[in-house]
N, C-alpha and C. Protein backbone atom coordinates (compact mmCIF):
# COMPACT_ATOMS: atom_id res chain seq x y z
N MET A 1 13.19 35.34 23.85
CA MET A 1 12.95 36.68 24.27
C MET A 1 13.08 37.49 23.07
N ASN A 2 12.37 38.76 22.78
CA ASN A 2 12.40 39.56 21.72
C ASN A 2 12.96 40.96 22.30
N THR A 3 13.69 41.49 21.57
CA THR A 3 14.27 42.82 22.28
C THR A 3 14.35 43.89 20.76
N SER A 4 14.29 45.05 21.02
CA SER A 4 14.66 45.98 19.99
C SER A 4 15.92 46.75 20.75
N CYS A 5 16.92 47.20 19.70
CA CYS A 5 18.21 47.90 20.10
C CYS A 5 17.94 49.39 19.60
N ASN A 6 18.70 50.22 20.41
CA ASN A 6 18.84 51.69 20.18
C ASN A 6 19.88 52.00 19.21
N VAL A 7 20.91 51.44 19.38
CA VAL A 7 22.30 51.45 18.48
C VAL A 7 22.83 50.20 18.20
N PHE A 8 23.41 50.20 16.98
CA PHE A 8 24.26 49.21 16.38
C PHE A 8 25.67 49.37 16.02
N GLN A 9 26.63 48.66 16.43
CA GLN A 9 28.02 48.78 16.11
C GLN A 9 28.53 47.56 15.47
N ILE A 10 29.24 47.80 14.39
CA ILE A 10 29.72 46.49 13.42
C ILE A 10 31.24 46.81 13.82
N ALA A 11 31.98 45.54 14.00
CA ALA A 11 33.40 45.50 14.35
C ALA A 11 34.09 45.79 13.06
N SER A 12 35.27 46.56 13.13
CA SER A 12 36.19 46.97 11.99
C SER A 12 37.17 45.81 11.71
N SER A 13 37.28 44.75 12.83
CA SER A 13 38.29 43.75 12.72
C SER A 13 37.62 42.65 11.99
N GLY A 14 38.54 41.55 11.93
CA GLY A 14 38.10 40.46 11.13
C GLY A 14 37.06 39.48 12.05
N ASP A 15 36.64 39.68 13.18
CA ASP A 15 36.00 38.96 13.98
C ASP A 15 34.34 38.98 13.68
N ARG A 16 33.97 39.83 12.78
CA ARG A 16 32.48 39.99 12.27
C ARG A 16 31.60 40.07 13.36
N LEU A 17 32.01 40.78 14.21
CA LEU A 17 30.94 40.78 15.45
C LEU A 17 30.10 42.19 15.40
N VAL A 18 28.78 41.95 15.59
CA VAL A 18 27.72 43.14 15.61
C VAL A 18 27.13 42.85 17.11
N VAL A 19 27.17 44.14 17.62
CA VAL A 19 26.47 44.47 18.84
C VAL A 19 25.55 45.57 18.97
N GLY A 20 24.29 45.22 19.39
CA GLY A 20 23.05 46.05 19.57
C GLY A 20 22.96 46.51 20.93
N GLN A 21 22.63 47.55 21.37
CA GLN A 21 22.75 48.35 22.80
C GLN A 21 21.16 48.69 22.96
N ALA A 22 20.63 48.38 23.96
CA ALA A 22 19.37 48.71 24.36
C ALA A 22 19.32 49.53 25.80
N VAL A 23 18.60 50.72 25.81
CA VAL A 23 18.25 51.14 27.19
C VAL A 23 16.93 50.65 27.77
N TRP A 24 17.00 49.83 28.49
CA TRP A 24 15.71 49.10 29.09
C TRP A 24 14.93 50.02 29.83
N HIS A 25 15.63 50.78 30.82
CA HIS A 25 14.72 51.77 31.59
C HIS A 25 15.77 52.62 32.48
N VAL A 26 15.15 53.54 33.02
CA VAL A 26 15.68 54.59 33.87
C VAL A 26 15.18 54.47 35.35
N SER A 27 15.51 53.82 36.38
CA SER A 27 15.39 53.68 37.81
C SER A 27 13.88 53.33 38.02
N GLN A 28 13.36 52.32 37.29
CA GLN A 28 12.14 51.72 37.53
C GLN A 28 11.91 50.68 38.18
N GLN A 29 10.88 50.63 39.21
CA GLN A 29 10.59 49.32 39.80
C GLN A 29 9.05 49.30 39.65
N VAL A 30 8.69 47.85 39.89
CA VAL A 30 7.33 47.47 39.74
C VAL A 30 6.57 47.57 41.16
N ALA A 31 5.59 48.52 41.25
CA ALA A 31 4.66 48.61 42.34
C ALA A 31 3.32 48.31 41.79
N SER A 32 2.86 47.12 41.74
CA SER A 32 1.72 46.58 41.19
C SER A 32 0.54 47.34 41.59
N PRO A 33 -0.34 47.85 40.76
CA PRO A 33 -0.32 47.56 39.30
C PRO A 33 0.35 48.60 38.49
N HIS A 34 1.24 49.42 39.07
CA HIS A 34 1.92 50.41 38.47
C HIS A 34 3.55 50.26 38.38
N ILE A 35 4.23 51.05 37.53
CA ILE A 35 5.68 51.05 37.33
C ILE A 35 5.95 52.65 38.05
N GLU A 36 6.80 52.57 38.92
CA GLU A 36 7.35 53.84 39.48
C GLU A 36 8.81 54.16 39.40
N PHE A 37 9.19 55.30 39.36
CA PHE A 37 10.68 55.80 39.12
C PHE A 37 11.07 55.76 40.57
N GLN A 38 12.33 55.26 40.87
CA GLN A 38 12.98 55.33 42.12
C GLN A 38 13.64 56.70 42.41
N GLY A 39 14.15 56.90 43.78
CA GLY A 39 14.86 58.29 43.83
C GLY A 39 16.12 58.29 43.49
N ASN A 40 16.82 56.99 43.17
CA ASN A 40 18.39 57.06 42.94
C ASN A 40 18.51 56.74 41.51
N ASP A 41 18.19 57.73 40.68
CA ASP A 41 18.29 57.54 39.20
C ASP A 41 19.57 56.92 38.44
N TYR A 42 19.05 55.76 37.63
CA TYR A 42 20.27 55.14 37.00
C TYR A 42 19.58 54.63 35.63
N TRP A 43 20.59 54.50 34.63
CA TRP A 43 20.14 54.06 33.52
C TRP A 43 20.59 52.29 33.51
N TRP A 44 19.66 51.50 32.95
CA TRP A 44 19.99 50.12 32.74
C TRP A 44 20.37 49.80 31.31
N LEU A 45 21.50 49.35 30.82
CA LEU A 45 21.70 49.11 29.38
C LEU A 45 22.11 47.87 29.37
N THR A 46 21.66 47.34 28.17
CA THR A 46 21.94 45.98 27.68
C THR A 46 22.66 45.92 26.27
N ASN A 47 23.80 45.17 26.05
CA ASN A 47 24.41 44.94 24.94
C ASN A 47 24.38 43.57 24.52
N TRP A 48 23.75 43.34 23.36
CA TRP A 48 23.44 42.04 22.70
C TRP A 48 24.32 41.79 21.56
N ALA A 49 25.11 40.65 21.35
CA ALA A 49 26.33 40.52 20.51
C ALA A 49 26.06 39.27 19.66
N THR A 50 26.28 39.30 18.53
CA THR A 50 26.35 38.13 17.73
C THR A 50 26.80 36.95 18.02
N ASP A 51 27.90 37.02 18.93
CA ASP A 51 28.64 35.98 19.66
C ASP A 51 27.83 35.23 20.79
N GLY A 52 26.67 35.74 21.06
CA GLY A 52 25.92 35.22 22.02
C GLY A 52 25.94 35.89 23.52
N THR A 53 26.74 36.96 23.44
CA THR A 53 26.91 37.56 24.85
C THR A 53 25.95 38.64 25.11
N LEU A 54 25.40 38.61 26.27
CA LEU A 54 24.54 39.58 26.95
C LEU A 54 25.07 40.30 27.93
N ALA A 55 25.58 41.47 27.71
CA ALA A 55 26.40 42.27 28.82
C ALA A 55 25.26 43.44 29.26
N MET A 56 25.17 43.28 30.71
CA MET A 56 24.30 44.37 31.28
C MET A 56 24.93 45.12 32.24
N SER A 57 24.46 46.51 32.25
CA SER A 57 25.21 47.49 33.13
C SER A 57 24.27 48.48 33.66
N ARG A 58 24.42 49.20 34.91
CA ARG A 58 23.54 50.20 35.36
C ARG A 58 24.46 51.35 35.80
N TRP A 59 24.18 52.55 35.37
CA TRP A 59 25.16 53.65 35.70
C TRP A 59 24.11 54.89 36.12
N ASN A 60 24.77 55.58 37.11
CA ASN A 60 24.09 56.60 37.82
C ASN A 60 23.81 57.81 36.68
N VAL A 61 22.84 58.41 36.77
CA VAL A 61 22.25 59.50 35.94
C VAL A 61 22.95 60.64 36.41
N GLY A 62 23.50 61.46 35.52
CA GLY A 62 24.50 62.74 35.80
C GLY A 62 25.57 62.47 36.31
N GLU A 63 26.23 61.39 36.50
CA GLU A 63 27.53 60.96 37.03
C GLU A 63 27.86 59.67 36.08
N HIS A 64 29.16 59.56 35.87
CA HIS A 64 29.77 58.32 35.15
C HIS A 64 30.00 57.36 36.34
N VAL A 65 29.25 56.90 37.08
CA VAL A 65 29.44 55.99 38.28
C VAL A 65 28.92 54.85 37.94
N SER A 66 29.48 53.63 37.81
CA SER A 66 28.87 52.42 37.79
C SER A 66 27.87 51.94 38.92
N ARG A 67 26.81 51.25 38.73
CA ARG A 67 25.95 50.79 39.76
C ARG A 67 26.03 49.06 39.87
N GLY A 68 26.82 48.65 38.74
CA GLY A 68 27.05 47.31 38.73
C GLY A 68 26.78 46.83 37.34
N ASP A 69 27.27 45.59 37.06
CA ASP A 69 27.23 45.01 35.76
C ASP A 69 27.07 43.44 35.87
N SER A 70 26.87 42.69 34.74
CA SER A 70 26.77 41.25 34.76
C SER A 70 26.79 40.87 33.30
N GLN A 71 27.25 39.57 32.99
CA GLN A 71 27.33 39.05 31.67
C GLN A 71 26.85 37.71 31.82
N GLU A 72 25.98 37.28 30.61
CA GLU A 72 25.40 35.90 30.49
C GLU A 72 25.70 35.66 28.87
N ASN A 73 25.53 34.37 28.53
CA ASN A 73 25.66 33.95 27.30
C ASN A 73 24.33 33.16 26.87
N TYR A 74 23.87 33.47 25.73
CA TYR A 74 22.67 32.80 24.94
C TYR A 74 22.80 32.45 23.55
N ASP A 75 22.02 31.64 23.19
CA ASP A 75 21.82 31.32 21.75
C ASP A 75 20.97 32.40 21.17
N MET A 76 21.28 33.19 20.37
CA MET A 76 20.39 34.32 19.78
C MET A 76 20.33 34.16 18.27
N ALA A 77 19.12 34.47 17.86
CA ALA A 77 18.70 34.38 16.42
C ALA A 77 18.64 35.86 16.02
N TRP A 78 19.43 36.34 14.96
CA TRP A 78 19.53 37.91 14.64
C TRP A 78 18.78 37.74 13.25
């Protein structure tokens, strides 16, 4: 899988961790052959780290209220 990131953060501690954040979409769903915006607006964010961690979260637009999150681990080539 290839991805691009909108923001990068480099850890200031000794763990040498780099994290890139990508905004994947805002409340979209596939309604073939189109992509439509849903009525319940949320941001879907992903954080990709050099330790192989992929953290995903969804947040309501206009409010700082979580819609859910998950985490997975992958072998990543940076």
